[in-house]
């Protein structure tokens, strides 16, 4: 089954880390990717821009309203994800615990219940 491992960022926490600790996070992601590639569980990963680059689009009465900023404001924000394909939810949780972000903020584990794309 495929799972989305959703990572969150808290700029206050990030900025409180030393340069060495920040580099350890980046190195931890490199090691995590090597681990899930070697195990065959890696499907993909993406990092996304911070909320200052975000717009939210709402259509009301046929008119689009575009607003600056994230849909849900707050200190922590969605910053990226991994898609993994593993045998059990427990394994997905184990993998999430290996992501360095879990040590500083959180990693949310959510099953993927539908996939689509242009190849369908």
Protein backbone atom coordinates (compact mmCIF):
# COMPACT_ATOMS: atom_id res chain seq x y z
CA UNK A 1 0.00 0.00 0.00
CA UNK A 2 1.19 3.52 -0.71
CA UNK A 3 1.46 6.14 2.00
CA UNK A 4 2.06 9.86 1.98
CA UNK A 5 4.60 10.93 4.61
CA UNK A 6 3.79 14.62 5.03
CA UNK A 7 6.45 16.88 6.54
CA UNK A 8 5.88 20.14 8.36
CA UNK A 9 8.19 23.09 9.01
CA UNK A 10 8.24 25.51 11.90
CA UNK A 11 10.53 28.46 11.02
CA UNK A 12 11.06 29.36 14.69
CA UNK A 13 12.30 25.86 15.48
CA UNK A 14 14.39 25.73 12.27
CA UNK A 15 16.08 29.05 13.03
CA UNK A 16 16.85 27.89 16.58
CA UNK A 17 18.94 25.01 15.20
CA UNK A 18 22.64 25.52 14.75
CA UNK A 19 24.11 25.34 11.26
CA UNK A 20 25.46 21.92 12.17
CA UNK A 21 22.00 20.73 13.23
CA UNK A 22 20.42 22.11 10.05
CA UNK A 23 23.04 20.33 7.95
CA UNK A 24 22.29 17.14 9.89
CA UNK A 25 18.65 17.43 8.78
CA UNK A 26 19.70 17.68 5.12
CA UNK A 27 22.10 14.75 5.54
CA UNK A 28 19.35 12.81 7.29
CA UNK A 29 17.12 13.24 4.25
CA UNK A 30 19.91 11.97 2.01
CA UNK A 31 20.30 8.90 4.24
CA UNK A 32 16.55 8.35 4.42
CA UNK A 33 16.29 8.44 0.63
CA UNK A 34 19.13 5.93 0.30
CA UNK A 35 17.34 3.65 2.78
CA UNK A 36 13.97 3.68 1.01
CA UNK A 37 15.55 3.39 -2.43
CA UNK A 38 17.57 0.36 -1.30
CA UNK A 39 14.47 -1.25 0.24
CA UNK A 40 12.39 -0.59 -2.89
CA UNK A 41 9.86 1.46 -0.89
CA UNK A 42 10.60 4.85 -2.49
CA UNK A 43 7.96 6.10 -4.92
CA UNK A 44 8.84 9.80 -4.92
CA UNK A 45 9.41 12.97 -2.94
CA UNK A 46 8.71 16.68 -3.33
CA UNK A 47 9.62 19.78 -1.37
CA UNK A 48 7.36 22.81 -1.70
CA UNK A 49 7.89 26.55 -1.31
CA UNK A 50 7.17 28.37 1.92
CA UNK A 51 3.81 30.09 2.61
CA UNK A 52 5.11 33.47 1.40
CA UNK A 53 4.91 32.01 -2.12
CA UNK A 54 1.38 30.65 -1.66
CA UNK A 55 -1.96 31.76 -3.03
CA UNK A 56 -5.38 30.34 -2.24
CA UNK A 57 -8.04 30.32 -4.96
CA UNK A 58 -11.73 30.23 -4.12
CA UNK A 59 -14.52 30.38 -6.71
CA UNK A 60 -17.75 31.94 -5.50
CA UNK A 61 -20.69 32.74 -7.75
CA UNK A 62 -18.53 31.92 -10.78
CA UNK A 63 -15.79 34.42 -9.88
CA UNK A 64 -12.28 33.43 -8.81
CA UNK A 65 -10.90 35.13 -5.73
CA UNK A 66 -7.13 34.80 -5.31
CA UNK A 67 -5.71 35.53 -1.86
CA UNK A 68 -2.08 35.67 -0.73
CA UNK A 69 -0.86 33.24 1.88
CA UNK A 70 -1.63 29.70 3.01
CA UNK A 71 -5.07 28.17 3.35
CA UNK A 72 -4.45 27.48 7.04
CA UNK A 73 -2.27 30.15 8.66
CA UNK A 74 -0.06 29.17 11.58
CA UNK A 75 3.48 28.68 12.74
CA UNK A 76 3.89 25.24 11.19
CA UNK A 77 3.30 24.64 7.52
CA UNK A 78 3.35 21.81 5.01
CA UNK A 79 6.82 21.78 3.40
CA UNK A 80 7.06 18.51 1.49
CA UNK A 81 6.34 14.83 1.31
CA UNK A 82 7.56 11.38 0.47
CA UNK A 83 5.42 8.72 -1.18
CA UNK A 84 6.38 5.24 -0.06
CA UNK A 85 5.02 1.83 -0.98
CA UNK A 86 5.29 -0.56 1.95
CA UNK A 87 3.60 -3.64 3.31
CA UNK A 88 1.92 -2.22 6.42
CA UNK A 89 0.85 0.94 8.18
CA UNK A 90 3.31 0.06 10.93
CA UNK A 91 6.15 0.07 8.40
CA UNK A 92 5.00 3.46 7.09
CA UNK A 93 5.11 4.75 10.68
CA UNK A 94 8.62 3.31 11.11
CA UNK A 95 9.75 5.07 7.95
CA UNK A 96 8.18 8.36 9.08
CA UNK A 97 10.17 8.12 12.31
CA UNK A 98 13.38 7.98 10.25
CA UNK A 99 12.67 11.34 8.60
CA UNK A 100 14.71 14.04 10.40
CA UNK A 101 11.74 16.42 10.51
CA UNK A 102 10.01 14.07 12.98
CA UNK A 103 12.64 15.08 15.56
CA UNK A 104 11.81 18.79 15.32
CA UNK A 105 8.17 19.08 14.21
CA UNK A 106 6.09 16.17 12.91
CA UNK A 107 5.56 13.80 10.01
CA UNK A 108 1.98 12.86 9.22
CA UNK A 109 1.34 9.39 7.73
CA UNK A 110 -1.69 9.11 5.48
CA UNK A 111 -2.72 6.22 3.20
CA UNK A 112 -3.17 7.00 -0.48
CA UNK A 113 -6.64 5.86 -1.48
CA UNK A 114 -6.66 6.97 -5.13
CA UNK A 115 -4.07 7.65 -7.81
CA UNK A 116 -4.55 9.18 -11.22
CA UNK A 117 -2.52 10.80 -13.93
CA UNK A 118 -2.17 11.29 -17.63
CA UNK A 119 -1.14 7.68 -18.18
CA UNK A 120 -4.66 6.46 -17.26
